[in-house]
Amino acid sequence: MEASAVSMSEGKNQQGVVSTELPKGSQVLKYEKRGGLWHILDLAVCIWIWHYPFWGLGMYTILYAHYHFSIISGTAAIVIFVVYHLQLAFWRPQLRSGFPWFHYVLYNPILDSFLHYMGATHIREGPPIDPERKILLAMCPHGLLGICRGGPIGTAWPTLYPGVNLRWGSFSAAYYMTGIREFSLLVGAVDAGKKTLIGRCEAGESLALLPGGIQEMLETDGNSKVTKLCLKGRYGFVKLAKEQDLLLVPCYCFGEKFTCNKYILPFWRTLHKMRLAGAMFFGRYGTLLPVNDRPVGWVYGQA
């Protein structure tokens, strides 16, 4: 099931009503919430995606189950466990090209289930970008669940920006956490270090970054009418775009902070120094499933 689309051209929408809000060539995608079996599918996909921090626990559980039911020996289980953790240190694709076939995962239509679950709206201001030009998508705010990262996925991004594949930059520690590492690599993320990002640019790839980082996560407050962005003094992404001749595309995710509740841990300062959020967050039913009682929208500005 595809999203409904409206192309804005010459200041008028499909109903012929003059629009002063969107420039010529803009496009709007709307993913309606679905019922019945579609809703069950959307719910299942979202539960699977947004609980990726627990994928590691699932992996260990499967390994133990194989040993417990005598599918493999204890020695084999230990070897698998040790080899896996050794490769964390010695096999680091996140510092190079990551997984080259990530677009088959990130832009798979099945991920539209998340967009339908959230009742998502996407707005691209202005005409699509020439796929020969590379971009740096700078997105904010960086909420606790990181719902904003779920916008340019499925059929949404290829529809709005055909031919432009994004490489997300993620913090280094993510690639040493079981489950989170696998998820990050599957969606094409690479280490957010400058050297790695420059390497991706030189390879002709586009980038996506969350400039606000962990500090912006801590500032997320769904009970406040004010949304705080942490961009003061954070000019690295602008300099990178200028140095690598990338078109800088700003993006704002509306409704991010209403998708979960947060609890700041007493020792958050220590975790913050380790580049970790220092907060616990809960969505629907006390899980990491996003709350979807309010619509979420992404607006992509002109480069």
Protein backbone atom coordinates (compact mmCIF):
# COMPACT_ATOMS: atom_id res chain seq x y z
CA MET A 1 0.00 0.00 0.00
CA GLU A 2 1.59 3.24 -1.12
CA ALA A 3 1.46 6.64 0.52
CA SER A 4 -0.79 9.29 -0.90
CA ALA A 5 1.21 11.98 -2.64
CA VAL A 6 0.56 15.60 -3.50
CA SER A 7 2.96 17.53 -5.71
CA MET A 8 3.01 21.27 -5.17
CA SER A 9 3.63 23.17 -8.41
CA GLU A 10 3.40 26.86 -9.18
CA GLY A 11 1.95 27.66 -5.79
CA LYS A 12 -1.21 25.53 -6.20
CA ASN A 13 -2.23 22.18 -4.81
CA GLN A 14 -4.36 19.52 -6.47
CA GLN A 15 -7.57 21.27 -5.44
CA GLY A 16 -6.43 24.45 -7.19
CA VAL A 17 -6.11 26.38 -3.91
CA VAL A 18 -3.23 28.82 -3.92
CA SER A 19 -0.53 27.81 -1.43
CA THR A 20 1.84 30.40 0.00
CA GLU A 21 3.59 27.93 2.31
CA LEU A 22 5.37 25.59 -0.08
CA PRO A 23 7.65 26.67 -2.92
CA LYS A 24 7.31 25.49 -6.49
CA GLY A 25 8.10 21.81 -7.02
CA SER A 26 7.45 20.77 -3.41
CA GLN A 27 5.99 17.36 -2.65
CA VAL A 28 3.90 15.99 0.24
CA LEU A 29 3.60 12.33 1.22
CA LYS A 30 1.01 11.15 3.71
CA TYR A 31 1.03 7.67 5.27
CA GLU A 32 -2.38 7.03 6.80
CA LYS A 33 -2.82 4.75 9.81
CA ARG A 34 -4.21 1.39 8.80
CA GLY A 35 -6.60 -1.08 10.39
CA GLY A 36 -7.20 -4.82 10.37
CA LEU A 37 -4.38 -7.13 9.32
CA TRP A 38 -2.39 -4.15 8.05
CA HIS A 39 -2.38 -2.71 11.56
CA ILE A 40 -1.11 -6.00 12.98
CA LEU A 41 1.70 -6.00 10.42
CA ASP A 42 2.56 -2.36 11.17
CA LEU A 43 2.59 -3.08 14.91
CA ALA A 44 4.80 -6.17 14.51
CA VAL A 45 7.33 -4.35 12.33
CA CYS A 46 7.51 -1.42 14.78
CA ILE A 47 7.99 -3.68 17.78
CA TRP A 48 10.82 -5.45 15.97
CA ILE A 49 12.54 -2.26 14.80
CA TRP A 50 12.36 -0.14 17.93
CA HIS A 51 13.48 -2.89 20.25
CA TYR A 52 16.79 -3.28 18.44
CA PRO A 53 18.68 -2.45 21.69
CA PHE A 54 17.48 -5.89 22.87
CA TRP A 55 18.55 -7.77 19.76
CA GLY A 56 21.78 -8.66 21.55
CA LEU A 57 19.87 -10.31 24.39
CA GLY A 58 17.95 -12.30 21.81
CA MET A 59 21.18 -13.42 20.15
CA TYR A 60 22.63 -14.64 23.46
CA THR A 61 19.35 -16.38 24.29
CA ILE A 62 19.36 -18.24 20.97
CA LEU A 63 22.97 -19.32 21.50
CA TYR A 64 22.19 -20.58 25.00
CA ALA A 65 19.06 -22.40 23.75
CA HIS A 66 21.15 -24.24 21.15
CA TYR A 67 23.46 -25.40 23.94
CA HIS A 68 20.64 -26.17 26.39
CA PHE A 69 18.79 -28.40 23.93
CA SER A 70 22.03 -30.10 22.86
CA ILE A 71 21.92 -28.73 19.33
CA ILE A 72 25.54 -27.65 19.81
CA SER A 73 28.10 -28.62 22.45
CA GLY A 74 29.25 -26.40 25.27
CA THR A 75 32.64 -26.05 23.58
CA ALA A 76 31.02 -24.92 20.33
CA ALA A 77 28.90 -22.37 22.19
CA ILE A 78 31.98 -20.95 23.90
CA VAL A 79 33.88 -20.76 20.60
CA ILE A 80 30.99 -18.92 18.92
CA PHE A 81 30.76 -16.52 21.88
CA VAL A 82 34.49 -15.77 21.87
CA VAL A 83 34.80 -15.44 18.09
CA TYR A 84 31.86 -13.04 17.97
CA HIS A 85 33.37 -10.74 20.59
CA LEU A 86 36.81 -10.87 19.00
CA GLN A 87 35.39 -9.68 15.69
CA LEU A 88 33.96 -6.63 17.48
CA ALA A 89 37.52 -5.42 17.93
CA PHE A 90 39.14 -6.65 14.72
CA TRP A 91 36.37 -6.39 12.10
CA ARG A 92 35.28 -2.77 11.91
CA PRO A 93 33.42 -2.11 8.67
CA GLN A 94 31.91 1.01 10.26
CA LEU A 95 35.26 2.74 9.78
CA ARG A 96 35.27 2.03 6.07
CA SER A 97 32.35 1.34 3.73
CA GLY A 98 29.96 -0.30 6.19
CA PHE A 99 27.52 -2.68 4.51
CA PRO A 100 27.39 -1.75 0.78
CA TRP A 101 23.93 -3.30 0.23
CA PHE A 102 22.23 -1.37 3.02
CA HIS A 103 19.77 0.35 0.65
CA TYR A 104 17.96 -2.98 0.16
CA VAL A 105 17.16 -2.85 3.89
CA LEU A 106 16.72 0.87 4.54
CA TYR A 107 14.45 1.53 1.56
CA ASN A 108 12.50 -1.72 1.67
CA PRO A 109 8.73 -1.10 1.35
CA ILE A 110 8.05 -3.23 4.43
CA LEU A 111 9.48 -0.38 6.52
CA ASP A 112 6.52 1.72 5.39
CA SER A 113 4.78 -0.05 8.26
CA PHE A 114 6.49 2.33 10.68
CA LEU A 115 5.37 5.36 8.67
CA HIS A 116 1.78 4.08 8.60
CA TYR A 117 1.90 3.26 12.32
CA MET A 118 2.92 6.85 13.09
CA GLY A 119 0.52 8.40 10.55
CA ALA A 120 3.60 10.10 9.13
CA THR A 121 3.69 13.09 6.81
CA HIS A 122 6.72 14.02 4.69
CA ILE A 123 7.17 17.41 3.04
CA ARG A 124 9.97 18.20 0.64
CA GLU A 125 10.30 21.92 0.02
CA GLY A 126 11.24 22.65 -3.56
CA PRO A 127 12.03 20.24 -6.41
CA PRO A 128 13.97 16.99 -5.96
CA ILE A 129 17.75 17.14 -5.96
CA ASP A 130 19.85 16.01 -8.90
CA PRO A 131 21.01 12.49 -7.89
CA GLU A 132 24.46 13.37 -9.24
CA ARG A 133 24.81 15.89 -6.39
CA LYS A 134 25.58 14.56 -2.94
CA ILE A 135 23.93 15.95 0.17
CA LEU A 136 24.32 16.19 3.91
CA LEU A 137 20.95 15.80 5.62
CA ALA A 138 21.08 17.61 8.98
CA MET A 139 18.13 16.47 11.09
CA CYS A 140 16.75 17.71 14.40
CA PRO A 141 15.64 17.34 17.08
CA HIS A 142 17.42 14.22 18.32
CA GLY A 143 14.74 12.79 20.59
CA LEU A 144 15.11 9.97 23.08
CA LEU A 145 13.82 7.19 20.84
CA GLY A 146 15.40 8.66 17.74
CA ILE A 147 12.07 8.56 15.89
CA CYS A 148 13.46 11.20 13.54
CA ARG A 149 15.77 8.57 12.00
CA GLY A 150 12.71 6.57 10.99
CA GLY A 151 11.58 9.23 8.53
CA PRO A 152 13.80 8.76 5.46
CA ILE A 153 13.14 5.03 5.14
CA GLY A 154 10.89 2.68 3.17
CA THR A 155 9.40 4.24 0.04
CA ALA A 156 9.34 7.77 1.48
CA TRP A 157 12.94 8.81 0.88
CA PRO A 158 13.35 7.26 -2.61
CA THR A 159 10.12 8.99 -3.63
CA LEU A 160 11.18 12.41 -2.38
CA TYR A 161 14.86 12.13 -3.32
CA PRO A 162 15.22 9.49 -6.06
CA GLY A 163 18.74 8.23 -6.59
CA VAL A 164 20.09 9.65 -3.30
CA ASN A 165 21.13 7.02 -0.73
CA LEU A 166 21.95 8.21 2.79
CA ARG A 167 24.73 7.04 5.07
CA TRP A 168 23.84 7.73 8.69
CA GLY A 169 26.66 8.67 11.04
CA SER A 170 26.41 6.97 14.45
CA PHE A 171 28.45 7.23 17.66
CA SER A 172 31.44 4.90 17.92
CA ALA A 173 30.26 2.93 20.97
CA ALA A 174 27.21 1.66 19.06
CA TYR A 175 29.43 -0.72 17.08
CA TYR A 176 30.62 -2.51 20.20
CA MET A 177 27.13 -3.25 21.57
CA THR A 178 25.68 -6.59 20.54
CA GLY A 179 22.48 -6.13 18.57
CA ILE A 180 22.84 -2.37 18.22
CA ARG A 181 25.94 -3.03 16.11
CA GLU A 182 24.07 -5.36 13.78
CA PHE A 183 21.12 -2.98 13.45
CA SER A 184 23.39 -0.03 12.69
CA LEU A 185 25.29 -1.91 10.00
CA LEU A 186 22.11 -3.27 8.41
CA VAL A 187 20.74 0.23 7.84
CA GLY A 188 24.04 1.45 6.41
CA ALA A 189 25.26 3.51 9.34
CA VAL A 190 28.97 4.22 9.70
CA ASP A 191 31.11 5.72 12.43
CA ALA A 192 30.42 9.44 12.80
CA GLY A 193 34.13 10.26 13.05
CA LYS A 194 35.29 12.91 10.58
CA LYS A 195 37.78 10.61 8.85
CA THR A 196 35.11 8.00 8.11
CA LEU A 197 32.58 10.58 6.93
CA ILE A 198 35.12 12.14 4.59
CA GLY A 199 35.85 8.68 3.22
CA ARG A 200 32.17 8.16 2.42
CA CYS A 201 32.02 11.56 0.73
CA GLU A 202 35.08 10.74 -1.38
CA ALA A 203 33.34 7.50 -2.36
CA GLY A 204 30.47 9.60 -3.73
CA GLU A 205 27.92 8.92 -0.98
CA SER A 206 25.50 11.26 0.80
CA LEU A 207 25.38 11.65 4.58
CA ALA A 208 22.76 12.07 7.30
CA LEU A 209 23.65 13.46 10.74
CA LEU A 210 21.94 14.53 13.96
CA PRO A 211 23.99 17.60 14.99
CA GLY A 212 22.24 17.99 18.36
CA GLY A 213 23.64 14.66 19.59
CA ILE A 214 23.21 13.29 23.08
CA GLN A 215 22.78 16.72 24.68
CA GLU A 216 19.69 17.29 22.57
CA MET A 217 18.34 13.92 23.70
CA LEU A 218 18.61 15.02 27.34
CA GLU A 219 16.79 18.27 26.56
CA THR A 220 13.80 16.38 25.14
CA ASP A 221 10.73 17.12 27.25
CA GLY A 222 7.32 15.96 26.08
CA ASN A 223 5.63 17.90 28.89
CA SER A 224 6.96 21.24 27.69
CA LYS A 225 5.63 23.48 24.92
CA VAL A 226 9.21 24.44 24.12
CA THR A 227 11.49 22.25 22.01
CA LYS A 228 15.18 22.89 22.65
CA LEU A 229 17.76 22.39 19.94
CA CYS A 230 21.46 22.11 20.70
CA LEU A 231 23.16 23.68 17.71
CA LYS A 232 25.14 26.52 19.28
CA GLY A 233 28.82 25.98 18.59
CA ARG A 234 28.13 22.82 16.57
CA TYR A 235 29.41 23.87 13.17
CA GLY A 236 31.31 20.72 12.24
CA PHE A 237 28.56 19.42 9.96
CA VAL A 238 28.43 22.76 8.11
CA LYS A 239 32.20 22.79 7.62
CA LEU A 240 32.10 19.17 6.40
CA ALA A 241 29.40 20.02 3.85
CA LYS A 242 31.40 22.99 2.60
CA GLU A 243 34.71 21.13 2.42
CA GLN A 244 33.22 18.11 0.62
CA ASP A 245 30.91 20.13 -1.67
CA LEU A 246 27.74 18.60 -0.22
CA LEU A 247 24.36 20.27 -0.50
CA LEU A 248 23.21 20.96 3.07
CA VAL A 249 19.58 19.88 3.48
CA PRO A 250 17.96 20.83 6.81
CA CYS A 251 15.23 18.59 8.21
CA TYR A 252 12.94 19.03 11.21
CA CYS A 253 10.93 16.20 12.74
CA PHE A 254 7.69 17.41 14.32
CA GLY A 255 6.15 15.40 17.15
CA GLU A 256 9.32 13.50 18.10
CA LYS A 257 9.21 14.41 21.79
CA PHE A 258 5.67 13.10 22.29
CA THR A 259 6.53 9.53 21.32
CA CYS A 260 7.89 8.45 24.73
CA ASN A 261 8.41 9.39 28.38
CA LYS A 262 11.82 9.80 29.95
CA TYR A 263 13.48 9.26 33.32
CA ILE A 264 16.88 10.85 33.94
CA LEU A 265 19.22 8.43 35.74
CA PRO A 266 20.95 9.71 38.92
CA PHE A 267 24.38 9.01 37.40
CA TRP A 268 23.58 10.59 34.02
CA ARG A 269 26.64 12.87 34.15
CA THR A 270 28.97 9.86 34.21
CA LEU A 271 27.15 8.25 31.29
CA HIS A 272 27.15 11.55 29.42
CA LYS A 273 30.96 11.63 29.60
CA MET A 274 30.91 8.20 27.96
CA ARG A 275 28.74 9.68 25.17
CA LEU A 276 25.66 7.84 26.42
CA ALA A 277 22.27 9.48 26.99
CA GLY A 278 22.03 8.85 30.74
CA ALA A 279 18.25 8.45 30.58
CA MET A 280 15.66 5.71 30.40
CA PHE A 281 12.70 6.10 28.09
CA PHE A 282 9.44 4.26 27.70
CA GLY A 283 6.85 4.22 24.96
CA ARG A 284 3.56 2.32 24.76
CA TYR A 285 2.91 -0.38 27.38
CA GLY A 286 6.20 0.51 29.10
CA THR A 287 8.17 -0.74 26.09
CA LEU A 288 10.21 1.04 23.41
CA LEU A 289 7.24 0.99 21.03
CA PRO A 290 6.62 4.67 20.14
CA VAL A 291 3.45 6.35 21.34
CA ASN A 292 1.47 7.17 18.19
CA ASP A 293 -1.52 9.15 19.46
CA ARG A 294 -0.12 12.30 17.80
CA PRO A 295 0.96 12.55 14.16
CA VAL A 296 4.64 12.87 13.33
CA GLY A 297 5.96 14.80 10.37
CA TRP A 298 9.23 15.48 8.58
CA VAL A 299 9.91 18.68 6.66
CA TYR A 300 12.95 18.71 4.37
CA GLY A 301 14.11 22.21 3.54
CA GLN A 302 15.65 23.40 0.30
CA ALA A 303 19.41 22.94 -0.05
